[in-house]
Amino acid sequence: MKKLFILTMLLGIGVLFSVSAKDKSHYKNEYQEAEITYHNVQVYKVLDHKDAYIVMYAKGHREVGTVTIPKKWYSSAMTADSKLHFRALPNGMNPYMTVVKRAGAFERVFLTLPTSRALPVWGVADLTVKVDDLDKESLEIVY
């Protein structure tokens, strides 16, 4: 009786292992590129203009890049067609900008900034500053 019990247990364990050992030939080491990509850059200053936000960000080695983001891209409700979103900056982090692309084309931008506009990262653009590219539909930045 003991031999029959042990034989049944061994057979059950063998069946269990054979069932759990699936064919893993479909797990090949193929690289699949993601459809959505993003890039983060540190933000030094955001100037509030009447029609746009002028963002100065870290570019390369010790260089500063500037990009203009039209205010019409922003919607207080996070809808699919809004291209600009603001996020509150967590404690202990530096302000940053995230540019999201889908299949290589610009989709949206996230500005992660302090909520208080009294902090040094926020500023006001001079009224004489002319912003030309307010009708653009894409955001191209140099990293």
Protein backbone atom coordinates (compact mmCIF):
# COMPACT_ATOMS: atom_id res chain seq x y z
CA MET A 1 0.00 0.00 0.00
CA LYS A 2 2.87 2.36 0.83
CA LYS A 3 4.54 1.56 -2.48
CA LEU A 4 1.32 2.32 -4.38
CA PHE A 5 0.92 5.65 -2.53
CA ILE A 6 4.54 6.69 -3.20
CA LEU A 7 4.24 5.64 -6.85
CA THR A 8 1.03 7.68 -7.21
CA MET A 9 2.64 10.73 -5.60
CA LEU A 10 5.70 10.52 -7.86
CA LEU A 11 3.49 10.13 -10.92
CA GLY A 12 1.37 13.13 -9.81
CA ILE A 13 4.46 15.29 -9.26
CA GLY A 14 5.83 14.24 -12.67
CA VAL A 15 2.57 15.20 -14.38
CA LEU A 16 2.46 18.50 -12.49
CA PHE A 17 5.99 19.45 -13.60
CA SER A 18 5.38 18.45 -17.19
CA VAL A 19 2.20 20.54 -17.36
CA SER A 20 3.89 23.58 -15.81
CA ALA A 21 6.87 23.36 -18.17
CA LYS A 22 5.26 25.12 -21.12
CA ASP A 23 6.81 25.47 -24.50
CA LYS A 24 8.85 28.67 -24.25
CA SER A 25 9.87 28.85 -27.88
CA HIS A 26 7.69 31.95 -28.32
CA TYR A 27 9.89 33.81 -25.80
CA LYS A 28 12.61 34.68 -28.25
CA ASN A 29 15.10 37.43 -27.56
CA GLU A 30 13.53 39.74 -30.11
CA TYR A 31 13.64 43.47 -29.46
CA GLN A 32 10.32 45.22 -29.85
CA GLU A 33 10.32 49.00 -29.85
CA ALA A 34 7.64 50.74 -27.81
CA GLU A 35 5.09 52.86 -29.65
CA ILE A 36 5.14 55.55 -26.94
CA THR A 37 8.43 57.13 -25.88
CA TYR A 38 9.25 60.03 -23.58
CA HIS A 39 12.16 62.27 -22.72
CA ASN A 40 12.64 64.25 -19.50
CA VAL A 41 14.64 67.48 -19.27
CA GLN A 42 15.31 69.67 -16.26
CA VAL A 43 13.49 73.01 -16.32
CA TYR A 44 15.35 76.14 -15.20
CA LYS A 45 12.67 78.77 -15.70
CA VAL A 46 9.10 79.09 -16.99
CA LEU A 47 8.07 82.55 -18.13
CA ASP A 48 4.35 83.21 -18.23
CA HIS A 49 3.40 85.15 -21.36
CA LYS A 50 -0.14 86.22 -22.15
CA ASP A 51 -0.39 83.64 -24.99
CA ALA A 52 2.23 81.03 -24.14
CA TYR A 53 4.66 79.57 -21.64
CA ILE A 54 8.33 80.13 -22.45
CA VAL A 55 10.30 77.24 -20.97
CA MET A 56 14.06 77.32 -20.46
CA TYR A 57 15.46 73.82 -20.00
CA ALA A 58 18.75 71.95 -19.69
CA LYS A 59 20.14 71.00 -23.07
CA GLY A 60 23.28 68.99 -23.52
CA HIS A 61 26.34 69.98 -21.56
CA ARG A 62 25.87 73.33 -19.82
CA GLU A 63 23.57 74.70 -22.48
CA VAL A 64 20.10 76.16 -22.09
CA GLY A 65 17.36 75.49 -24.60
CA THR A 66 14.18 77.52 -24.97
CA VAL A 67 10.82 76.32 -26.20
CA THR A 68 7.46 78.06 -26.48
CA ILE A 69 4.31 76.17 -25.50
CA PRO A 70 1.01 77.79 -26.56
CA LYS A 71 -1.50 78.22 -23.74
CA LYS A 72 -4.28 77.00 -26.04
CA TRP A 73 -2.81 73.49 -25.67
CA TYR A 74 -3.87 73.43 -22.01
CA SER A 75 -7.23 72.17 -20.80
CA SER A 76 -8.10 71.92 -17.11
CA ALA A 77 -9.70 68.55 -17.80
CA MET A 78 -7.16 65.96 -18.96
CA THR A 79 -8.79 65.32 -22.32
CA ALA A 80 -7.28 63.36 -25.17
CA ASP A 81 -6.92 66.46 -27.32
CA SER A 82 -5.09 68.62 -24.75
CA LYS A 83 -1.38 68.67 -25.43
CA LEU A 84 -0.19 70.46 -22.28
CA HIS A 85 -0.55 69.10 -18.76
CA PHE A 86 0.76 70.40 -15.45
CA ARG A 87 1.81 68.16 -12.56
CA ALA A 88 2.66 69.22 -9.01
CA LEU A 89 6.35 68.87 -8.21
CA PRO A 90 7.03 66.32 -5.44
CA ASN A 91 9.20 67.45 -2.52
CA GLY A 92 12.94 67.07 -3.03
CA MET A 93 12.83 67.08 -6.84
CA ASN A 94 13.88 69.65 -9.42
CA PRO A 95 11.32 70.94 -11.94
CA TYR A 96 11.26 69.00 -15.21
CA MET A 97 9.48 68.70 -18.53
CA THR A 98 8.41 65.43 -20.12
CA VAL A 99 7.88 65.29 -23.87
CA VAL A 100 5.78 62.29 -24.97
CA LYS A 101 5.87 60.95 -28.53
CA ARG A 102 3.77 58.25 -30.18
CA ALA A 103 5.38 56.50 -33.14
CA GLY A 104 7.97 59.31 -33.28
CA ALA A 105 5.42 62.12 -33.54
CA PHE A 106 4.78 64.63 -30.75
CA GLU A 107 1.75 63.80 -28.63
CA ARG A 108 1.86 65.91 -25.43
CA VAL A 109 4.08 67.67 -22.91
CA PHE A 110 3.97 67.52 -19.12
CA LEU A 111 5.40 70.34 -17.00
CA THR A 112 6.17 69.16 -13.47
CA LEU A 113 6.55 72.37 -11.52
CA PRO A 114 5.93 73.82 -8.05
CA THR A 115 2.33 74.90 -7.63
CA SER A 116 3.33 78.19 -5.99
CA ARG A 117 4.10 80.79 -8.64
CA ALA A 118 6.08 82.75 -6.03
CA LEU A 119 9.01 80.31 -6.35
CA PRO A 120 12.04 81.25 -8.48
CA VAL A 121 11.33 78.75 -11.28
CA TRP A 122 8.28 80.82 -12.27
CA GLY A 123 8.62 84.22 -13.94
CA VAL A 124 6.70 86.65 -16.09
CA ALA A 125 7.74 87.40 -19.65
CA ASP A 126 8.18 91.01 -20.64
CA LEU A 127 5.19 92.43 -22.55
CA THR A 128 7.47 93.36 -25.44
CA VAL A 129 8.42 89.72 -26.08
CA LYS A 130 6.82 88.59 -29.33
CA VAL A 131 5.86 84.94 -29.64
CA ASP A 132 5.58 83.89 -33.28
CA ASP A 133 4.79 80.18 -33.19
CA LEU A 134 1.45 80.17 -31.36
CA ASP A 135 -0.33 78.25 -34.13
CA LYS A 136 2.03 75.30 -34.08
CA GLU A 137 0.65 71.81 -33.52
CA SER A 138 3.89 70.08 -32.57
CA LEU A 139 6.72 70.61 -30.10
CA GLU A 140 10.29 70.03 -31.19
CA ILE A 141 13.03 70.42 -28.63
CA VAL A 142 16.75 69.87 -28.92
CA TYR A 143 18.15 67.72 -26.13
